[in-house]
Protein backbone atom coordinates (compact mmCIF):
# COMPACT_ATOMS: atom_id res chain seq x y z
CA MET A 1 1.95 62.91 -55.06
CA ARG A 2 0.96 66.59 -56.42
CA LYS A 3 0.24 68.98 -53.29
CA ARG A 4 -2.29 71.93 -52.98
CA THR A 5 -2.32 74.66 -50.54
CA LEU A 6 -5.12 74.40 -47.80
CA GLY A 7 -6.95 77.61 -48.18
CA LYS A 8 -5.27 80.47 -46.03
CA THR A 9 -3.83 77.87 -43.58
CA GLY A 10 -0.62 77.66 -45.62
CA LEU A 11 -0.83 73.88 -45.00
CA SER A 12 0.63 71.95 -48.11
CA VAL A 13 -1.40 68.94 -48.30
CA SER A 14 -1.42 66.19 -50.57
CA GLU A 15 -4.11 65.81 -53.54
CA LEU A 16 -5.31 62.52 -52.22
CA GLY A 17 -5.62 62.09 -48.32
CA LEU A 18 -6.21 59.11 -46.52
CA GLY A 19 -9.16 58.85 -44.73
CA THR A 20 -9.08 56.50 -41.72
CA TRP A 21 -12.99 55.26 -40.97
CA GLY A 22 -12.82 52.19 -42.69
CA LEU A 23 -9.47 51.50 -41.28
CA SER A 24 -10.68 51.77 -38.00
CA GLY A 25 -13.04 49.06 -38.07
CA GLU A 26 -16.05 51.30 -38.26
CA GLY A 27 -18.71 50.88 -40.79
CA TYR A 28 -17.41 48.11 -42.62
CA GLY A 29 -16.17 45.73 -40.25
CA PRO A 30 -12.97 44.71 -38.75
CA VAL A 31 -9.12 45.19 -40.40
CA GLU A 32 -6.36 43.14 -39.50
CA GLN A 33 -3.62 45.24 -37.75
CA LEU A 34 -1.09 44.36 -40.63
CA ASP A 35 -3.31 45.85 -43.17
CA VAL A 36 -3.53 49.02 -41.27
CA GLU A 37 0.12 49.20 -41.09
CA ARG A 38 0.51 48.45 -44.46
CA THR A 39 -1.72 50.83 -45.62
CA VAL A 40 -0.13 53.84 -43.70
CA GLU A 41 2.86 52.90 -44.89
CA ARG A 42 2.31 52.71 -48.48
CA ALA A 43 0.54 56.31 -48.25
CA ARG A 44 3.74 57.69 -47.10
CA ALA A 45 5.68 55.67 -49.67
CA VAL A 46 3.51 57.46 -52.52
CA ASP A 47 3.84 60.83 -50.49
CA ILE A 48 0.28 61.16 -49.48
CA ASN A 49 1.12 63.59 -46.15
CA PHE A 50 -2.83 64.03 -45.28
CA PHE A 51 -4.36 61.70 -42.52
CA ASP A 52 -7.96 62.21 -41.65
CA THR A 53 -9.31 60.90 -38.46
CA SER A 54 -11.41 61.45 -35.38
CA ASP A 55 -11.43 60.78 -31.44
CA LEU A 56 -14.66 58.97 -32.59
CA TYR A 57 -13.03 56.11 -34.73
CA GLY A 58 -12.06 53.01 -33.77
CA PHE A 59 -13.94 53.28 -29.93
CA ARG A 60 -16.36 50.35 -30.97
CA SER A 61 -14.69 48.31 -33.18
CA ASP A 62 -12.91 45.75 -31.40
CA GLY A 63 -14.09 46.42 -27.87
CA SER A 64 -10.94 47.43 -26.74
CA GLY A 65 -11.84 51.30 -26.43
CA GLU A 66 -8.80 52.50 -27.95
CA ARG A 67 -9.26 54.98 -30.36
CA PHE A 68 -7.57 54.92 -33.81
CA GLU A 69 -5.89 58.35 -33.22
CA ALA A 70 -3.62 56.53 -30.87
CA CYS A 71 -2.99 53.87 -33.43
CA LEU A 72 -2.24 56.48 -36.41
CA GLY A 73 0.10 58.48 -33.81
CA ARG A 74 1.95 55.14 -33.08
CA LEU A 75 2.64 54.78 -37.07
CA LEU A 76 3.39 58.35 -37.90
CA ALA A 77 5.59 58.93 -34.45
CA GLY A 78 8.51 61.27 -35.79
CA ASP A 79 7.10 61.76 -39.29
CA THR A 80 6.98 65.59 -39.29
CA GLU A 81 6.14 66.00 -42.75
CA ALA A 82 2.84 63.90 -42.21
CA ILE A 83 -0.44 66.02 -41.33
CA ILE A 84 -3.05 64.90 -39.02
CA CYS A 85 -6.38 66.16 -39.12
CA THR A 86 -8.81 64.93 -36.34
CA LYS A 87 -12.49 65.95 -35.44
CA GLY A 88 -13.99 66.46 -31.87
CA GLY A 89 -17.19 67.04 -30.34
CA ASN A 90 -18.20 63.41 -29.67
CA ASP A 91 -19.32 62.15 -26.04
CA VAL A 92 -19.07 58.69 -26.34
CA ASP A 93 -18.52 58.32 -22.91
CA GLY A 94 -21.53 59.75 -22.08
CA THR A 95 -24.94 58.11 -21.07
CA PRO A 96 -26.12 58.03 -24.02
CA PRO A 97 -23.34 59.18 -26.25
CA ARG A 98 -24.34 62.28 -27.59
CA LYS A 99 -22.49 65.51 -29.67
CA ARG A 100 -21.13 67.73 -27.22
CA PHE A 101 -19.58 71.44 -28.28
CA ASP A 102 -19.39 73.19 -24.97
CA ARG A 103 -15.74 74.86 -24.00
CA ALA A 104 -15.14 72.55 -21.24
CA PHE A 105 -15.39 69.35 -23.02
CA LEU A 106 -13.67 70.37 -26.36
CA GLU A 107 -10.92 71.62 -24.20
CA ALA A 108 -10.70 68.09 -22.81
CA SER A 109 -11.24 66.37 -25.95
CA ALA A 110 -8.75 68.18 -28.09
CA GLU A 111 -6.06 67.44 -25.17
CA LYS A 112 -6.77 63.84 -25.24
CA SER A 113 -6.43 63.61 -28.97
CA ALA A 114 -3.05 65.22 -28.78
CA GLU A 115 -2.13 62.74 -26.05
CA ARG A 116 -3.66 59.81 -28.05
CA LEU A 117 -1.64 60.94 -31.15
CA LYS A 118 1.48 62.05 -29.04
CA ARG A 119 1.79 65.17 -31.08
CA LYS A 120 -0.29 68.34 -31.59
CA PRO A 121 -2.88 67.75 -34.30
CA ASP A 122 -2.13 69.77 -37.60
CA LEU A 123 -5.75 70.41 -38.07
CA TYR A 124 -8.67 70.10 -35.49
CA LEU A 125 -12.50 70.12 -36.85
CA LEU A 126 -15.59 70.47 -35.02
CA HIS A 127 -17.40 67.09 -36.15
CA ASN A 128 -20.65 68.06 -37.76
CA PRO A 129 -21.88 70.59 -35.45
CA SER A 130 -25.65 72.12 -36.14
CA GLU A 131 -25.98 75.48 -37.41
CA ARG A 132 -27.12 76.56 -33.92
CA VAL A 133 -23.79 75.49 -32.45
CA LEU A 134 -21.69 77.33 -34.74
CA ARG A 135 -24.11 80.48 -34.38
CA GLU A 136 -23.68 80.67 -30.89
CA GLY A 137 -20.18 80.70 -31.09
CA GLU A 138 -18.69 78.93 -27.96
CA ALA A 139 -17.72 76.30 -29.92
CA ILE A 140 -15.57 78.22 -32.56
CA GLU A 141 -14.18 80.65 -30.13
CA THR A 142 -12.70 77.68 -28.09
CA LEU A 143 -10.74 76.32 -30.91
CA LYS A 144 -9.38 79.94 -31.76
CA ASP A 145 -8.21 79.83 -28.10
CA LEU A 146 -6.88 76.35 -28.20
CA ALA A 147 -4.97 77.41 -31.57
CA LYS A 148 -3.54 80.38 -29.80
CA LYS A 149 -2.44 78.07 -26.72
CA GLN A 150 -0.82 75.93 -29.39
CA VAL A 151 -2.94 72.84 -28.25
CA ILE A 152 -3.97 72.09 -31.76
CA GLY A 153 -2.63 73.61 -35.03
CA GLU A 154 -5.34 74.83 -37.49
CA TRP A 155 -8.91 74.57 -37.04
CA GLY A 156 -12.12 74.16 -38.96
CA VAL A 157 -15.32 72.67 -39.10
CA SER A 158 -16.68 69.30 -40.58
CA VAL A 159 -20.16 69.93 -41.79
CA GLY A 160 -23.19 67.61 -43.43
CA ASP A 161 -24.51 70.37 -45.73
CA GLY A 162 -24.02 73.50 -47.49
CA LYS A 163 -26.02 75.71 -45.22
CA THR A 164 -23.87 74.83 -42.36
CA ALA A 165 -20.65 75.38 -44.19
CA ILE A 166 -22.09 78.83 -45.13
CA VAL A 167 -22.46 79.49 -41.31
CA ALA A 168 -18.81 78.15 -40.80
CA ILE A 169 -17.60 80.17 -43.15
CA ASP A 170 -19.28 83.61 -42.09
CA LYS A 171 -17.82 82.30 -38.57
CA GLY A 172 -14.48 82.77 -39.98
CA ALA A 173 -13.65 79.07 -40.16
CA PRO A 174 -10.20 78.32 -42.29
CA VAL A 175 -11.14 75.12 -43.22
CA ILE A 176 -14.43 73.00 -43.89
CA GLU A 177 -14.93 69.32 -44.57
CA ILE A 178 -17.52 68.72 -46.55
CA ALA A 179 -19.07 65.44 -48.93
CA TYR A 180 -18.55 66.13 -52.33
CA ASN A 181 -18.57 63.57 -55.56
CA VAL A 182 -20.24 63.56 -58.97
CA LEU A 183 -23.53 62.23 -57.66
CA SER A 184 -23.44 64.76 -54.50
CA SER A 185 -22.04 68.14 -55.83
CA SER A 186 -24.75 70.60 -54.88
CA ASP A 187 -23.89 71.48 -51.26
CA LEU A 188 -19.93 72.41 -52.33
CA HIS A 189 -21.05 74.20 -55.53
CA TRP A 190 -23.60 76.20 -53.06
CA CYS A 191 -21.39 77.86 -50.88
CA ALA A 192 -18.37 78.35 -53.89
CA GLY A 193 -18.46 82.19 -53.74
CA GLU A 194 -18.19 82.34 -50.14
CA LEU A 195 -15.42 79.81 -50.12
CA LEU A 196 -13.22 81.79 -52.66
CA GLU A 197 -14.16 85.22 -50.85
CA ALA A 198 -13.07 83.87 -47.44
CA ARG A 199 -9.93 81.78 -48.94
CA CYS A 200 -11.31 78.87 -46.91
CA GLY A 201 -9.76 75.44 -47.61
CA VAL A 202 -11.91 72.43 -48.75
CA ILE A 203 -11.27 68.97 -47.38
CA ALA A 204 -13.52 66.70 -49.93
CA ARG A 205 -14.71 63.55 -48.01
CA SER A 206 -16.94 60.55 -49.73
CA PRO A 207 -15.28 61.18 -53.38
CA LEU A 208 -16.70 57.70 -54.31
CA ALA A 209 -19.97 57.58 -52.56
CA TYR A 210 -19.08 54.90 -50.01
CA GLY A 211 -17.62 52.60 -53.36
CA LEU A 212 -20.94 53.18 -55.23
CA LEU A 213 -18.86 55.16 -57.75
CA CYS A 214 -16.04 52.67 -58.34
CA GLY A 215 -18.44 51.14 -60.69
CA LEU A 216 -17.93 47.32 -59.81
CA TRP A 217 -21.25 46.49 -58.45
CA ALA A 218 -23.90 44.76 -60.24
CA PRO A 219 -27.84 44.61 -59.57
CA GLY A 220 -28.72 42.84 -56.65
CA LYS A 221 -25.48 43.65 -54.74
CA THR A 222 -25.94 42.92 -50.91
CA PHE A 223 -23.77 44.01 -48.16
CA VAL A 224 -22.84 41.80 -44.90
CA GLU A 225 -24.32 42.51 -41.38
CA GLY A 226 -22.36 45.44 -39.88
CA ASP A 227 -21.72 47.24 -42.95
CA HIS A 228 -23.29 50.57 -42.98
CA ARG A 229 -24.33 50.58 -46.40
CA ARG A 230 -26.82 47.93 -45.75
CA ASP A 231 -28.79 50.27 -43.96
CA ARG A 232 -27.70 53.42 -46.22
CA TRP A 233 -29.48 52.11 -49.25
CA SER A 234 -32.43 49.93 -49.55
CA PRO A 235 -32.40 47.24 -52.46
CA GLU A 236 -34.85 49.57 -54.62
CA VAL A 237 -32.58 52.71 -54.10
CA LEU A 238 -29.27 51.04 -54.56
CA THR A 239 -30.64 49.80 -58.03
CA ALA A 240 -31.36 53.26 -59.01
CA ARG A 241 -28.03 54.63 -57.66
CA LEU A 242 -26.54 51.90 -59.88
CA ALA A 243 -28.17 53.15 -62.80
CA HIS A 244 -27.07 56.95 -62.15
CA VAL A 245 -23.65 55.27 -61.92
CA ALA A 246 -23.91 53.63 -65.33
CA ALA A 247 -25.01 56.78 -66.93
CA LEU A 248 -21.42 58.11 -66.23
CA ARG A 249 -19.68 55.57 -68.56
CA PRO A 250 -19.33 58.01 -71.27
CA LEU A 251 -16.64 59.29 -69.34
CA VAL A 252 -14.53 56.61 -68.96
CA ARG A 253 -12.32 57.20 -72.38
CA GLY A 254 -8.96 58.27 -73.23
CA GLU A 255 -6.71 58.08 -70.09
CA VAL A 256 -9.57 57.83 -67.83
CA HIS A 257 -9.45 53.81 -67.59
CA THR A 258 -12.15 53.49 -65.04
CA LEU A 259 -15.48 54.88 -63.27
CA ARG A 260 -13.19 55.26 -60.31
CA SER A 261 -10.77 57.48 -62.23
CA ALA A 262 -13.61 59.47 -63.28
CA ALA A 263 -15.24 59.90 -59.95
CA LEU A 264 -11.78 61.15 -58.07
CA ARG A 265 -10.55 63.02 -61.23
CA TYR A 266 -14.05 64.87 -60.88
CA VAL A 267 -13.46 65.88 -57.44
CA LEU A 268 -9.95 67.34 -58.32
CA ALA A 269 -10.95 69.18 -61.22
CA ASN A 270 -12.65 71.56 -58.57
CA LEU A 271 -9.78 74.05 -57.46
CA LEU A 272 -11.58 74.94 -54.23
CA VAL A 273 -10.35 71.35 -53.07
CA GLY A 274 -7.19 71.19 -51.23
CA THR A 275 -7.32 67.39 -50.42
CA CYS A 276 -9.89 64.53 -51.79
CA VAL A 277 -9.93 62.04 -48.82
CA VAL A 278 -10.38 58.19 -49.59
CA GLY A 279 -11.87 55.87 -47.43
CA VAL A 280 -9.82 52.44 -47.98
CA ARG A 281 -9.54 48.92 -46.13
CA ASN A 282 -6.18 47.94 -47.41
CA ALA A 283 -3.03 48.95 -49.21
CA ALA A 284 -4.38 47.98 -52.66
CA GLN A 285 -7.20 49.92 -52.73
CA LEU A 286 -5.05 52.67 -51.95
CA GLU A 287 -2.84 52.07 -54.53
CA GLY A 288 -5.86 51.62 -56.97
CA ASP A 289 -6.94 55.28 -55.98
CA VAL A 290 -3.48 56.62 -56.41
CA ARG A 291 -3.54 55.23 -59.98
CA ALA A 292 -6.86 56.53 -60.77
CA ILE A 293 -6.15 60.21 -60.70
CA GLY A 294 -3.49 59.86 -63.14
CA ASN A 295 -0.60 62.77 -63.91
CA GLY A 296 -3.04 65.53 -64.45
CA PRO A 297 -4.17 67.97 -64.43
CA PRO A 298 -6.14 68.35 -66.56
CA TYR A 299 -8.56 65.80 -64.16
CA LEU A 300 -11.87 65.71 -66.50
CA ASP A 301 -11.52 68.14 -69.74
CA ASP A 302 -14.05 71.01 -69.59
CA ALA A 303 -16.30 69.15 -72.05
CA ASP A 304 -17.20 66.15 -69.90
CA LEU A 305 -17.46 68.31 -67.06
CA ALA A 306 -20.23 70.34 -69.07
CA ARG A 307 -22.14 66.84 -69.95
CA ILE A 308 -22.06 65.20 -66.24
CA PRO A 309 -25.30 67.17 -65.24
CA LYS A 310 -27.31 65.79 -68.60
CA LEU A 311 -26.24 62.37 -68.01
CA LEU A 312 -27.49 62.42 -64.87
CA THR A 313 -30.56 63.96 -65.39
CA ASP A 314 -31.28 61.79 -68.67
CA ALA A 315 -30.80 58.80 -65.59
CA GLY A 316 -33.14 60.57 -63.41
CA ALA A 317 -30.60 61.31 -60.93
CA THR A 318 -31.02 63.23 -58.03
CA GLU A 319 -28.92 64.28 -55.07
CA GLY A 320 -28.44 61.95 -51.81
């Protein structure tokens, strides 16, 4: 697995990172513990060293209240080459559960994450704060202090859009995590200049748009109860999105054998991206993603990258 340096942090991260939201049982339904273990083990066997999680993952999945951080900490115990990124700011014990980014809460949350992981998080991100929270500064100053005290390693911000990313970069965040894929690229492109100037590292999440860009779904696709995609897309929206995916078929040529391959190579063609976080539910899906990125660079050639906007425009695609 090829490595990239994550901005100015100096962290050397695998081009593919393992996202653990799906493995934790959140969003898509329960996952057998054996599948979790085999997936993490296989990730390390192919030299994936970046693992993305959150203090929120796993809390609701099996009723036990155990966070997935604890599971991941057990599976990576003693592995000094594995880089664990977790996220905080989620008061799931509150009534009602809510976001919290005050100093007292973040300090306690970071310490609890370290306890569950049985190690200092290598990277700790604010989990989707608002622009206002970032501008007020308390949350960011708290993470800086936690890094100085070595409760956490590096710090950063997981953002929901480009505007929030700009504020995070302006406030000195060394790393941002942001959704980035061939159907939703404008947020990252919009703040590219600021990222370059600040030497800010980028973690790209949702590279396959929750499975949409694998190109395996036929019109009329439905999702089971409990799968977040059931609520994410109405049947009409999903039909339109499938047409947009179909418009990308001309990218499947030469060494690019599948739409999944084209989608992942698109993300990695952007050299602002330090790691591309793939969400899987078993080792076989992970293997498919590893094969899909090929032996690049180049990932997608310049001609294909240049034709993508027209392919999508002709298909009536819009961001989202």
